[in-house]
Amino acid sequence: MSAAEKDHVYKILDLVGSSETSIEDAVKNAISRAAKTVRDIKWFEVVQTRGHVENGAVRHFQVTLRIGFTLEE
């Protein structure tokens, strides 16, 4: 196996996902949507979490995340 075959180069893409249900669902929504057009997603990192409050209640969860995917040769 050559060095090129075992060494990976990743591209990083920033995404924002949202959900009315949970932070976890916001992450899953962002990744599943990105997976429709981005191939070989390998990892994600949540870099910011926030939400929308209305009348004293949480209405939406929102996360900013970075996803890493391998570049094609």
PDB file of N, CA and C in Angstrom:
ATOM      1  N   MET A   1       0.845  -1.175   0.000  1.00  0.00           N
ATOM      2  CA  MET A   1       0.000   0.000   0.000  1.00  0.00           C
ATOM      3  C   MET A   1       0.892   1.240   0.000  1.00  0.00           C
ATOM      4  N   SER A   2       0.656   2.141  -0.912  1.00  0.00           N
ATOM      5  CA  SER A   2       1.451   3.360  -0.987  1.00  0.00           C
ATOM      6  C   SER A   2       0.965   4.373   0.033  1.00  0.00           C
ATOM      7  N   ALA A   3       1.778   5.405   0.284  1.00  0.00           N
ATOM      8  CA  ALA A   3       1.412   6.458   1.233  1.00  0.00           C
ATOM      9  C   ALA A   3       0.118   7.146   0.800  1.00  0.00           C
ATOM     10  N   ALA A   4      -0.060   7.320  -0.512  1.00  0.00           N
ATOM     11  CA  ALA A   4      -1.262   7.985  -1.016  1.00  0.00           C
ATOM     12  C   ALA A   4      -2.524   7.173  -0.732  1.00  0.00           C
ATOM     13  N   GLU A   5      -2.393   5.846  -0.678  1.00  0.00           N
ATOM     14  CA  GLU A   5      -3.553   5.000  -0.430  1.00  0.00           C
ATOM     15  C   GLU A   5      -3.971   5.005   1.036  1.00  0.00           C
ATOM     16  N   LYS A   6      -3.031   5.224   1.969  1.00  0.00           N
ATOM     17  CA  LYS A   6      -3.394   5.174   3.374  1.00  0.00           C
ATOM     18  C   LYS A   6      -3.533   6.551   4.021  1.00  0.00           C
ATOM     19  N   ASP A   7      -2.967   7.598   3.417  1.00  0.00           N
ATOM     20  CA  ASP A   7      -3.082   8.948   3.951  1.00  0.00           C
ATOM     21  C   ASP A   7      -4.323   9.614   3.374  1.00  0.00           C
ATOM     22  N   HIS A   8      -5.069  10.274   4.229  1.00  0.00           N
ATOM     23  CA  HIS A   8      -6.301  10.926   3.787  1.00  0.00           C
ATOM     24  C   HIS A   8      -6.152  12.434   3.832  1.00  0.00           C
ATOM     25  N   VAL A   9      -6.784  13.089   2.896  1.00  0.00           N
ATOM     26  CA  VAL A   9      -6.888  14.538   2.897  1.00  0.00           C
ATOM     27  C   VAL A   9      -8.378  14.845   2.988  1.00  0.00           C
ATOM     28  N   TYR A  10      -8.722  15.717   3.927  1.00  0.00           N
ATOM     29  CA  TYR A  10     -10.121  16.043   4.160  1.00  0.00           C
ATOM     30  C   TYR A  10     -10.416  17.485   3.781  1.00  0.00           C
ATOM     31  N   LYS A  11     -11.603  17.713   3.318  1.00  0.00           N
ATOM     32  CA  LYS A  11     -12.130  19.060   3.125  1.00  0.00           C
ATOM     33  C   LYS A  11     -13.133  19.281   4.247  1.00  0.00           C
ATOM     34  N   ILE A  12     -13.188  20.511   4.761  1.00  0.00           N
ATOM     35  CA  ILE A  12     -14.100  20.839   5.852  1.00  0.00           C
ATOM     36  C   ILE A  12     -15.178  21.776   5.340  1.00  0.00           C
ATOM     37  N   LEU A  13     -16.407  21.490   5.725  1.00  0.00           N
ATOM     38  CA  LEU A  13     -17.558  22.277   5.309  1.00  0.00           C
ATOM     39  C   LEU A  13     -18.350  22.664   6.561  1.00  0.00           C
ATOM     40  N   ASP A  14     -18.703  23.941   6.681  1.00  0.00           N
ATOM     41  CA  ASP A  14     -19.517  24.399   7.807  1.00  0.00           C
ATOM     42  C   ASP A  14     -20.991  24.309   7.440  1.00  0.00           C
ATOM     43  N   LEU A  15     -21.799  23.813   8.380  1.00  0.00           N
ATOM     44  CA  LEU A  15     -23.239  23.664   8.185  1.00  0.00           C
ATOM     45  C   LEU A  15     -23.978  24.204   9.411  1.00  0.00           C
ATOM     46  N   VAL A  16     -25.215  24.571   9.224  1.00  0.00           N
ATOM     47  CA  VAL A  16     -26.094  24.915  10.341  1.00  0.00           C
ATOM     48  C   VAL A  16     -27.343  24.057  10.207  1.00  0.00           C
ATOM     49  N   GLY A  17     -27.638  23.295  11.250  1.00  0.00           N
ATOM     50  CA  GLY A  17     -28.835  22.459  11.262  1.00  0.00           C
ATOM     51  C   GLY A  17     -29.791  22.938  12.332  1.00  0.00           C
ATOM     52  N   SER A  18     -31.067  22.685  12.126  1.00  0.00           N
ATOM     53  CA  SER A  18     -32.053  23.103  13.130  1.00  0.00           C
ATOM     54  C   SER A  18     -33.100  22.012  13.323  1.00  0.00           C
ATOM     55  N   SER A  19     -33.766  22.101  14.471  1.00  0.00           N
ATOM     56  CA  SER A  19     -34.817  21.144  14.795  1.00  0.00           C
ATOM     57  C   SER A  19     -35.713  21.757  15.861  1.00  0.00           C
ATOM     58  N   GLU A  20     -36.978  21.440  15.812  1.00  0.00           N
ATOM     59  CA  GLU A  20     -37.900  21.846  16.877  1.00  0.00           C
ATOM     60  C   GLU A  20     -37.826  20.883  18.046  1.00  0.00           C
ATOM     61  N   THR A  21     -37.180  19.726  17.854  1.00  0.00           N
ATOM     62  CA  THR A  21     -37.184  18.652  18.833  1.00  0.00           C
ATOM     63  C   THR A  21     -35.965  18.632  19.756  1.00  0.00           C
ATOM     64  N   SER A  22     -34.728  18.634  19.163  1.00  0.00           N
ATOM     65  CA  SER A  22     -33.537  18.473  19.994  1.00  0.00           C
ATOM     66  C   SER A  22     -32.273  18.890  19.245  1.00  0.00           C
ATOM     67  N   ILE A  23     -31.203  19.047  20.013  1.00  0.00           N
ATOM     68  CA  ILE A  23     -29.895  19.328  19.434  1.00  0.00           C
ATOM     69  C   ILE A  23     -29.460  18.151  18.574  1.00  0.00           C
ATOM     70  N   GLU A  24     -29.673  16.947  19.075  1.00  0.00           N
ATOM     71  CA  GLU A  24     -29.294  15.739  18.329  1.00  0.00           C
ATOM     72  C   GLU A  24     -30.001  15.695  16.971  1.00  0.00           C
ATOM     73  N   ASP A  25     -31.280  16.004  16.949  1.00  0.00           N
ATOM     74  CA  ASP A  25     -32.005  16.019  15.675  1.00  0.00           C
ATOM     75  C   ASP A  25     -31.492  17.116  14.752  1.00  0.00           C
ATOM     76  N   ALA A  26     -31.074  18.252  15.305  1.00  0.00           N
ATOM     77  CA  ALA A  26     -30.510  19.325  14.486  1.00  0.00           C
ATOM     78  C   ALA A  26     -29.232  18.854  13.790  1.00  0.00           C
ATOM     79  N   VAL A  27     -28.392  18.116  14.513  1.00  0.00           N
ATOM     80  CA  VAL A  27     -27.167  17.556  13.931  1.00  0.00           C
ATOM     81  C   VAL A  27     -27.528  16.545  12.841  1.00  0.00           C
ATOM     82  N   LYS A  28     -28.435  15.646  13.152  1.00  0.00           N
ATOM     83  CA  LYS A  28     -28.837  14.615  12.181  1.00  0.00           C
ATOM     84  C   LYS A  28     -29.451  15.245  10.933  1.00  0.00           C
ATOM     85  N   ASN A  29     -30.255  16.292  11.092  1.00  0.00           N
ATOM     86  CA  ASN A  29     -30.858  16.962   9.940  1.00  0.00           C
ATOM     87  C   ASN A  29     -29.795  17.569   9.034  1.00  0.00           C
ATOM     88  N   ALA A  30     -28.801  18.222   9.625  1.00  0.00           N
ATOM     89  CA  ALA A  30     -27.737  18.840   8.831  1.00  0.00           C
ATOM     90  C   ALA A  30     -26.932  17.786   8.071  1.00  0.00           C
ATOM     91  N   ILE A  31     -26.567  16.714   8.755  1.00  0.00           N
ATOM     92  CA  ILE A  31     -25.742  15.681   8.120  1.00  0.00           C
ATOM     93  C   ILE A  31     -26.522  14.934   7.049  1.00  0.00           C
ATOM     94  N   SER A  32     -27.771  14.598   7.315  1.00  0.00           N
ATOM     95  CA  SER A  32     -28.533  13.848   6.303  1.00  0.00           C
ATOM     96  C   SER A  32     -28.777  14.700   5.058  1.00  0.00           C
ATOM     97  N   ARG A  33     -28.976  15.992   5.240  1.00  0.00           N
ATOM     98  CA  ARG A  33     -29.168  16.880   4.084  1.00  0.00           C
ATOM     99  C   ARG A  33     -27.860  17.015   3.299  1.00  0.00           C
ATOM    100  N   ALA A  34     -26.748  17.189   4.005  1.00  0.00           N
ATOM    101  CA  ALA A  34     -25.453  17.311   3.329  1.00  0.00           C
ATOM    102  C   ALA A  34     -25.094  16.030   2.575  1.00  0.00           C
ATOM    103  N   ALA A  35     -25.449  14.884   3.134  1.00  0.00           N
ATOM    104  CA  ALA A  35     -25.112  13.597   2.520  1.00  0.00           C
ATOM    105  C   ALA A  35     -25.789  13.396   1.169  1.00  0.00           C
ATOM    106  N   LYS A  36     -26.813  14.189   0.871  1.00  0.00           N
ATOM    107  CA  LYS A  36     -27.457  14.086  -0.438  1.00  0.00           C
ATOM    108  C   LYS A  36     -26.567  14.602  -1.557  1.00  0.00           C
ATOM    109  N   THR A  37     -25.637  15.505  -1.244  1.00  0.00           N
ATOM    110  CA  THR A  37     -24.780  16.081  -2.285  1.00  0.00           C
ATOM    111  C   THR A  37     -23.287  15.960  -1.990  1.00  0.00           C
ATOM    112  N   VAL A  38     -22.913  15.609  -0.765  1.00  0.00           N
ATOM    113  CA  VAL A  38     -21.497  15.479  -0.402  1.00  0.00           C
ATOM    114  C   VAL A  38     -21.203  14.008  -0.153  1.00  0.00           C
ATOM    115  N   ARG A  39     -20.213  13.473  -0.872  1.00  0.00           N
ATOM    116  CA  ARG A  39     -19.848  12.062  -0.704  1.00  0.00           C
ATOM    117  C   ARG A  39     -18.738  11.913   0.326  1.00  0.00           C
ATOM    118  N   ASP A  40     -18.659  10.749   0.915  1.00  0.00           N
ATOM    119  CA  ASP A  40     -17.568  10.348   1.809  1.00  0.00           C
ATOM    120  C   ASP A  40     -17.428  11.218   3.056  1.00  0.00           C
ATOM    121  N   ILE A  41     -18.562  11.597   3.663  1.00  0.00           N
ATOM    122  CA  ILE A  41     -18.505  12.320   4.939  1.00  0.00           C
ATOM    123  C   ILE A  41     -17.950  11.347   5.982  1.00  0.00           C
ATOM    124  N   LYS A  42     -16.930  11.797   6.715  1.00  0.00           N
ATOM    125  CA  LYS A  42     -16.256  10.913   7.669  1.00  0.00           C
ATOM    126  C   LYS A  42     -16.439  11.324   9.121  1.00  0.00           C
ATOM    127  N   TRP A  43     -16.622  12.607   9.402  1.00  0.00           N
ATOM    128  CA  TRP A  43     -16.727  13.045  10.793  1.00  0.00           C
ATOM    129  C   TRP A  43     -17.455  14.375  10.874  1.00  0.00           C
ATOM    130  N   PHE A  44     -17.869  14.721  12.089  1.00  0.00           N
ATOM    131  CA  PHE A  44     -18.453  16.039  12.327  1.00  0.00           C
ATOM    132  C   PHE A  44     -18.001  16.550  13.683  1.00  0.00           C
ATOM    133  N   GLU A  45     -18.058  17.872  13.842  1.00  0.00           N
ATOM    134  CA  GLU A  45     -17.712  18.533  15.091  1.00  0.00           C
ATOM    135  C   GLU A  45     -18.735  19.645  15.321  1.00  0.00           C
ATOM    136  N   VAL A  46     -19.401  19.628  16.458  1.00  0.00           N
ATOM    137  CA  VAL A  46     -20.330  20.703  16.796  1.00  0.00           C
ATOM    138  C   VAL A  46     -19.501  21.863  17.348  1.00  0.00           C
ATOM    139  N   VAL A  47     -19.622  23.034  16.714  1.00  0.00           N
ATOM    140  CA  VAL A  47     -18.815  24.180  17.133  1.00  0.00           C
ATOM    141  C   VAL A  47     -19.634  25.256  17.838  1.00  0.00           C
ATOM    142  N   GLN A  48     -20.949  25.208  17.697  1.00  0.00           N
ATOM    143  CA  GLN A  48     -21.793  26.188  18.367  1.00  0.00           C
ATOM    144  C   GLN A  48     -23.202  25.621  18.518  1.00  0.00           C
ATOM    145  N   THR A  49     -23.812  25.909  19.642  1.00  0.00           N
ATOM    146  CA  THR A  49     -25.189  25.497  19.890  1.00  0.00           C
ATOM    147  C   THR A  49     -25.977  26.727  20.340  1.00  0.00           C
ATOM    148  N   ARG A  50     -27.135  26.905  19.775  1.00  0.00           N
ATOM    149  CA  ARG A  50     -27.998  28.016  20.182  1.00  0.00           C
ATOM    150  C   ARG A  50     -29.450  27.620  19.936  1.00  0.00           C
ATOM    151  N   GLY A  51     -30.347  28.472  20.366  1.00  0.00           N
ATOM    152  CA  GLY A  51     -31.758  28.171  20.178  1.00  0.00           C
ATOM    153  C   GLY A  51     -32.586  29.430  20.086  1.00  0.00           C
ATOM    154  N   HIS A  52     -33.826  29.204  19.763  1.00  0.00           N
ATOM    155  CA  HIS A  52     -34.798  30.287  19.623  1.00  0.00           C
ATOM    156  C   HIS A  52     -35.844  30.107  20.710  1.00  0.00           C
ATOM    157  N   VAL A  53     -36.084  31.175  21.473  1.00  0.00           N
ATOM    158  CA  VAL A  53     -37.061  31.128  22.560  1.00  0.00           C
ATOM    159  C   VAL A  53     -38.227  32.028  22.200  1.00  0.00           C
ATOM    160  N   GLU A  54     -39.424  31.499  22.437  1.00  0.00           N
ATOM    161  CA  GLU A  54     -40.638  32.251  22.150  1.00  0.00           C
ATOM    162  C   GLU A  54     -41.603  32.077  23.331  1.00  0.00           C
ATOM    163  N   ASN A  55     -42.056  33.179  23.908  1.00  0.00           N
ATOM    164  CA  ASN A  55     -42.979  33.137  25.049  1.00  0.00           C
ATOM    165  C   ASN A  55     -42.469  32.253  26.182  1.00  0.00           C
ATOM    166  N   GLY A  56     -41.162  32.334  26.449  1.00  0.00           N
ATOM    167  CA  GLY A  56     -40.574  31.587  27.549  1.00  0.00           C
ATOM    168  C   GLY A  56     -40.345  30.113  27.292  1.00  0.00           C
ATOM    169  N   ALA A  57     -40.533  29.668  26.051  1.00  0.00           N
ATOM    170  CA  ALA A  57     -40.340  28.249  25.721  1.00  0.00           C
ATOM    171  C   ALA A  57     -39.378  28.113  24.545  1.00  0.00           C
ATOM    172  N   VAL A  58     -38.595  27.038  24.572  1.00  0.00           N
ATOM    173  CA  VAL A  58     -37.680  26.762  23.462  1.00  0.00           C
ATOM    174  C   VAL A  58     -38.499  26.354  22.248  1.00  0.00           C
ATOM    175  N   ARG A  59     -38.288  27.049  21.138  1.00  0.00           N
ATOM    176  CA  ARG A  59     -39.017  26.747  19.896  1.00  0.00           C
ATOM    177  C   ARG A  59     -38.156  25.985  18.895  1.00  0.00           C
ATOM    178  N   HIS A  60     -36.877  26.325  18.814  1.00  0.00           N
ATOM    179  CA  HIS A  60     -35.966  25.665  17.870  1.00  0.00           C
ATOM    180  C   HIS A  60     -34.589  25.508  18.508  1.00  0.00           C
ATOM    181  N   PHE A  61     -33.950  24.406  18.186  1.00  0.00           N
ATOM    182  CA  PHE A  61     -32.547  24.191  18.510  1.00  0.00           C
ATOM    183  C   PHE A  61     -31.768  24.399  17.218  1.00  0.00           C
ATOM    184  N   GLN A  62     -30.609  25.016  17.324  1.00  0.00           N
ATOM    185  CA  GLN A  62     -29.793  25.256  16.137  1.00  0.00           C
ATOM    186  C   GLN A  62     -28.341  24.954  16.480  1.00  0.00           C
ATOM    187  N   VAL A  63     -27.666  24.229  15.602  1.00  0.00           N
ATOM    188  CA  VAL A  63     -26.253  23.897  15.800  1.00  0.00           C
ATOM    189  C   VAL A  63     -25.453  24.281  14.565  1.00  0.00           C
ATOM    190  N   THR A  64     -24.269  24.781  14.817  1.00  0.00           N
ATOM    191  CA  THR A  64     -23.302  24.984  13.741  1.00  0.00           C
ATOM    192  C   THR A  64     -22.307  23.849  13.862  1.00  0.00           C
ATOM    193  N   LEU A  65     -22.072  23.149  12.773  1.00  0.00           N
ATOM    194  CA  LEU A  65     -21.130  22.046  12.814  1.00  0.00           C
ATOM    195  C   LEU A  65     -20.235  22.063  11.598  1.00  0.00           C
ATOM    196  N   ARG A  66     -19.098  21.432  11.767  1.00  0.00           N
ATOM    197  CA  ARG A  66     -18.167  21.222  10.666  1.00  0.00           C
ATOM    198  C   ARG A  66     -18.208  19.746  10.330  1.00  0.00           C
ATOM    199  N   ILE A  67     -18.269  19.466   9.049  1.00  0.00           N
ATOM    200  CA  ILE A  67     -18.155  18.078   8.617  1.00  0.00           C
ATOM    201  C   ILE A  67     -16.865  17.937   7.822  1.00  0.00           C
ATOM    202  N   GLY A  68     -16.257  16.783   7.926  1.00  0.00           N
ATOM    203  CA  GLY A  68     -15.058  16.481   7.160  1.00  0.00           C
ATOM    204  C   GLY A  68     -15.365  15.356   6.195  1.00  0.00           C
ATOM    205  N   PHE A  69     -14.902  15.535   4.975  1.00  0.00           N
ATOM    206  CA  PHE A  69     -15.087  14.457   3.994  1.00  0.00           C
ATOM    207  C   PHE A  69     -13.812  14.311   3.188  1.00  0.00           C
ATOM    208  N   THR A  70     -13.577  13.083   2.714  1.00  0.00           N
ATOM    209  CA  THR A  70     -12.350  12.815   1.978  1.00  0.00           C
ATOM    210  C   THR A  70     -12.476  13.321   0.555  1.00  0.00           C
ATOM    211  N   LEU A  71     -11.369  13.854   0.055  1.00  0.00           N
ATOM    212  CA  LEU A  71     -11.328  14.318  -1.321  1.00  0.00           C
ATOM    213  C   LEU A  71     -11.106  13.147  -2.255  1.00  0.00           C
ATOM    214  N   GLU A  72     -11.757  13.206  -3.398  1.00  0.00           N
ATOM    215  CA  GLU A  72     -11.570  12.156  -4.395  1.00  0.00           C
ATOM    216  C   GLU A  72     -10.256  12.381  -5.120  1.00  0.00           C
ATOM    217  N   GLU A  73      -9.683  11.298  -5.579  1.00  0.00           N
ATOM    218  CA  GLU A  73      -8.415  11.387  -6.302  1.00  0.00           C
ATOM    219  C   GLU A  73      -8.656  11.790  -7.738  1.00  0.00           C
TER     220      GLU A  73
END
